[in-house]
Amino acid sequence: MASFLKRTLGPLRTFSTSPIVRLRGPLTFDGWYPRDHKPGQYPENEEERRRAAIKYGLRPEDYKPMDKDDIVRYAGDYPDLGVVTYDHKDPYESWTDRNHRRNWGEMVGMDMMNYRGDRLTFTGLEAEDYTTWASIKMCLRVLVPMALLAYYFSREDPNAFRWKNPAMPKQYPYDFARSFPFDDPRKFPIVNYSFDVEGKDHGHHH
């Protein structure tokens, strides 16, 4: 068994310690380990709070952990950074990542993915301009054109403009549906129109 494990794990160990794999990025930085990015236990005293604040690069007076009673957001000693959206940040700042207005090493809030520039973003100043009539006008700008277009394209007037020109169903000389799959369709002719005069008096002029 030992020889089997040696033959199996030996090449894997050689590969994992090879120079090519060691170039895989930040896992090779001295003093950095993935476990350092995992939240620790909720701080129970002032010393643990100060230690957690230093761990996340915050001032102790600015550090506030997630509420322990919040079963959805609670994440140990991870800080509650509040809501900071894309529009809250200065557009003229020299950001490391201009696309998301973030700097290298900046803390990532719990809801950061929800408040990116291409998603929900606000400053709070919009609420000062809110009025009931403005919101009604915003809805009417969408609903009224939709109602007018729906009426215009769906009215019963035969001369009304349609998405495509009206056409009668295509006429076939035989009932192919009845003859399907093996019968002869000529046994089921369809008379779509006729030039024969119907009735004796049809076409007789007095």
Protein backbone atom coordinates (compact mmCIF):
# COMPACT_ATOMS: atom_id res chain seq x y z
CA MET A 1 0.00 0.00 0.00
CA ALA A 2 2.81 2.40 0.89
CA SER A 3 4.56 1.76 -2.40
CA PHE A 4 1.30 2.32 -4.27
CA LEU A 5 0.74 5.71 -2.56
CA LYS A 6 4.32 6.67 -3.25
CA ARG A 7 3.95 5.86 -6.93
CA THR A 8 0.62 7.73 -7.10
CA LEU A 9 1.28 10.81 -4.96
CA GLY A 10 4.91 11.26 -5.87
CA PRO A 11 4.30 12.70 -9.36
CA LEU A 12 1.50 14.90 -8.00
CA ARG A 13 3.79 16.35 -5.35
CA THR A 14 6.47 16.96 -7.94
CA PHE A 15 3.97 18.75 -10.17
CA SER A 16 2.55 20.89 -7.35
CA THR A 17 6.03 22.08 -6.36
CA SER A 18 7.24 22.69 -9.91
CA PRO A 19 8.35 26.23 -10.87
CA ILE A 20 5.51 26.57 -13.38
CA VAL A 21 2.81 25.92 -10.80
CA ARG A 22 4.55 28.15 -8.26
CA LEU A 23 3.90 31.08 -10.61
CA ARG A 24 0.16 30.78 -10.09
CA GLY A 25 -0.17 34.16 -8.42
CA PRO A 26 -0.87 35.60 -4.98
CA LEU A 27 -0.85 32.20 -3.24
CA THR A 28 2.95 32.44 -3.40
CA PHE A 29 3.20 35.80 -1.61
CA ASP A 30 5.19 35.48 1.60
CA GLY A 31 3.05 35.79 4.71
CA TRP A 32 -0.26 35.60 2.81
CA TYR A 33 -2.58 32.66 3.22
CA PRO A 34 -6.19 32.11 2.06
CA ARG A 35 -7.25 31.56 5.67
CA ASP A 36 -6.35 35.18 6.39
CA HIS A 37 -9.30 36.28 4.27
CA LYS A 38 -11.81 34.15 6.11
CA PRO A 39 -13.86 35.94 8.79
CA GLY A 40 -12.98 35.02 12.33
CA GLN A 41 -15.18 34.67 15.37
CA TYR A 42 -17.44 37.51 16.45
CA PRO A 43 -15.44 39.87 18.73
CA GLU A 44 -16.63 39.57 22.30
CA ASN A 45 -14.48 42.26 23.93
CA GLU A 46 -12.62 45.47 23.11
CA GLU A 47 -9.31 43.72 22.47
CA GLU A 48 -10.89 41.38 19.92
CA ARG A 49 -12.62 44.33 18.28
CA ARG A 50 -9.33 46.19 17.89
CA ARG A 51 -7.65 43.06 16.52
CA ALA A 52 -10.45 42.56 13.98
CA ALA A 53 -10.32 46.22 12.94
CA ILE A 54 -6.58 46.00 12.31
CA LYS A 55 -7.08 42.76 10.41
CA TYR A 56 -9.46 44.46 7.98
CA GLY A 57 -7.46 47.68 7.71
CA LEU A 58 -9.98 49.83 9.59
CA ARG A 59 -9.68 52.22 12.49
CA PRO A 60 -11.10 50.72 15.70
CA GLU A 61 -13.62 53.56 16.00
CA ASP A 62 -14.87 52.84 12.45
CA TYR A 63 -15.10 49.09 12.87
CA LYS A 64 -18.56 47.61 13.34
CA PRO A 65 -19.19 43.87 12.88
CA MET A 66 -22.33 42.37 11.42
CA ASP A 67 -25.22 41.93 13.79
CA LYS A 68 -25.13 38.49 15.37
CA ASP A 69 -28.93 38.28 15.27
CA ASP A 70 -29.03 38.79 11.49
CA ILE A 71 -29.09 35.19 10.33
CA VAL A 72 -28.76 36.23 6.66
CA ARG A 73 -25.85 38.67 6.81
CA TYR A 74 -23.97 37.58 9.94
CA ALA A 75 -20.42 36.61 9.01
CA GLY A 76 -18.31 36.44 12.17
CA ASP A 77 -16.04 39.45 12.58
CA TYR A 78 -16.55 40.71 9.01
CA PRO A 79 -17.24 44.47 9.17
CA ASP A 80 -20.56 46.07 8.30
CA LEU A 81 -19.53 48.77 5.82
CA GLY A 82 -23.03 50.05 5.17
CA VAL A 83 -24.36 50.86 1.71
CA VAL A 84 -21.77 52.51 -0.55
CA THR A 85 -22.90 52.58 -4.17
CA TYR A 86 -21.07 53.52 -7.34
CA ASP A 87 -22.60 57.02 -7.37
CA HIS A 88 -21.47 57.71 -3.81
CA LYS A 89 -17.85 57.75 -5.01
CA ASP A 90 -16.10 60.72 -6.57
CA PRO A 91 -15.93 60.31 -10.36
CA TYR A 92 -12.79 62.51 -10.47
CA GLU A 93 -10.82 60.41 -8.00
CA SER A 94 -7.78 58.58 -9.36
CA TRP A 95 -9.17 55.10 -8.73
CA THR A 96 -7.07 51.99 -9.16
CA ASP A 97 -10.07 50.39 -10.87
CA ARG A 98 -11.85 53.22 -12.68
CA ASN A 99 -14.54 50.91 -14.03
CA HIS A 100 -15.87 50.14 -10.54
CA ARG A 101 -14.33 53.12 -8.67
CA ARG A 102 -12.32 50.94 -6.32
CA ASN A 103 -8.79 51.18 -4.99
CA TRP A 104 -6.32 48.39 -4.42
CA GLY A 105 -6.90 46.78 -1.05
CA GLU A 106 -10.22 48.55 -0.50
CA MET A 107 -12.67 46.68 1.69
CA VAL A 108 -15.47 44.89 -0.11
CA GLY A 109 -18.90 45.39 1.37
CA MET A 110 -21.31 42.51 1.80
CA ASP A 111 -23.58 43.89 -0.94
CA MET A 112 -20.90 45.23 -3.25
CA MET A 113 -22.16 43.20 -6.24
CA ASN A 114 -25.62 44.76 -5.90
CA TYR A 115 -24.40 48.36 -6.01
CA ARG A 116 -22.00 48.35 -8.94
CA GLY A 117 -22.22 51.02 -11.63
CA ASP A 118 -24.07 48.71 -14.01
CA ARG A 119 -26.63 47.72 -11.38
CA LEU A 120 -28.48 49.51 -8.57
CA THR A 121 -26.72 52.77 -7.79
CA PHE A 122 -27.93 55.94 -6.09
CA THR A 123 -26.76 58.75 -3.85
CA GLY A 124 -29.88 59.38 -1.79
CA LEU A 125 -30.27 62.88 -3.22
CA GLU A 126 -32.85 61.59 -5.68
CA ALA A 127 -35.32 61.25 -2.79
CA GLU A 128 -35.26 65.02 -2.32
CA ASP A 129 -36.63 65.53 -5.83
CA TYR A 130 -39.35 62.92 -5.51
CA THR A 131 -42.96 64.01 -5.96
CA THR A 132 -46.06 61.91 -6.49
CA TRP A 133 -46.96 63.69 -9.72
CA ALA A 134 -43.45 63.13 -11.13
CA SER A 135 -43.71 59.39 -10.53
CA ILE A 136 -47.19 59.35 -12.15
CA LYS A 137 -45.84 61.16 -15.22
CA MET A 138 -42.98 58.67 -15.45
CA CYS A 139 -45.46 55.78 -15.55
CA LEU A 140 -47.73 57.54 -18.05
CA ARG A 141 -44.82 58.14 -20.41
CA VAL A 142 -44.64 54.37 -20.83
CA LEU A 143 -48.26 53.27 -20.44
CA VAL A 144 -49.94 55.86 -22.70
CA PRO A 145 -47.82 55.15 -25.81
CA MET A 146 -48.26 51.42 -25.22
CA ALA A 147 -52.06 51.81 -25.04
CA LEU A 148 -52.18 53.97 -28.17
CA LEU A 149 -50.03 51.58 -30.18
CA ALA A 150 -52.06 48.58 -28.98
CA TYR A 151 -55.29 50.28 -30.06
CA TYR A 152 -53.90 51.40 -33.42
CA PHE A 153 -52.59 47.97 -34.42
CA SER A 154 -55.48 45.88 -33.05
CA ARG A 155 -58.60 47.80 -34.19
CA GLU A 156 -61.08 46.01 -36.44
CA ASP A 157 -60.91 48.46 -39.34
CA PRO A 158 -59.91 46.34 -42.38
CA ASN A 159 -57.89 49.24 -43.75
CA ALA A 160 -55.95 49.69 -40.52
CA PHE A 161 -52.23 49.22 -40.69
CA ARG A 162 -51.08 45.78 -39.57
CA TRP A 163 -47.76 44.22 -38.85
CA LYS A 164 -48.28 42.25 -42.07
CA ASN A 165 -50.85 42.41 -44.86
CA PRO A 166 -54.01 40.33 -44.34
CA ALA A 167 -54.24 37.22 -46.50
CA MET A 168 -56.75 34.43 -46.97
CA PRO A 169 -55.70 30.88 -46.13
CA LYS A 170 -53.76 29.18 -48.89
CA GLN A 171 -56.00 27.10 -51.18
CA TYR A 172 -55.09 23.50 -51.97
CA PRO A 173 -56.71 21.29 -54.65
CA TYR A 174 -56.74 18.21 -52.42
CA ASP A 175 -57.20 17.47 -48.74
CA PHE A 176 -53.70 16.29 -47.94
CA ALA A 177 -54.45 16.05 -44.23
CA ARG A 178 -57.14 13.40 -44.79
CA SER A 179 -54.95 11.38 -47.14
CA PHE A 180 -51.94 11.43 -44.82
CA PRO A 181 -49.88 9.32 -44.57
CA PHE A 182 -50.46 6.61 -47.21
CA ASP A 183 -53.69 7.39 -49.07
CA ASP A 184 -54.03 9.10 -52.44
CA PRO A 185 -54.95 12.79 -51.93
CA ARG A 186 -56.81 12.78 -55.28
CA LYS A 187 -59.55 10.84 -53.54
CA PHE A 188 -60.28 13.93 -51.45
CA PRO A 189 -60.63 16.87 -53.83
CA ILE A 190 -61.41 20.33 -52.49
CA VAL A 191 -63.57 22.73 -54.50
CA ASN A 192 -62.34 26.18 -53.65
CA TYR A 193 -64.29 27.95 -56.39
CA SER A 194 -66.13 27.08 -59.60
CA PHE A 195 -67.05 28.77 -62.86
CA ASP A 196 -70.22 26.71 -63.16
CA VAL A 197 -73.47 28.67 -62.85
CA GLU A 198 -75.44 27.67 -59.77
CA GLY A 199 -79.24 27.45 -60.27
CA LYS A 200 -81.22 27.69 -63.44
CA ASP A 201 -81.99 31.41 -63.28
CA HIS A 202 -78.47 32.46 -62.36
CA GLY A 203 -77.04 34.70 -65.04
CA HIS A 204 -80.39 35.08 -66.91
CA HIS A 205 -81.15 38.72 -67.64
CA HIS A 206 -84.70 39.95 -67.97
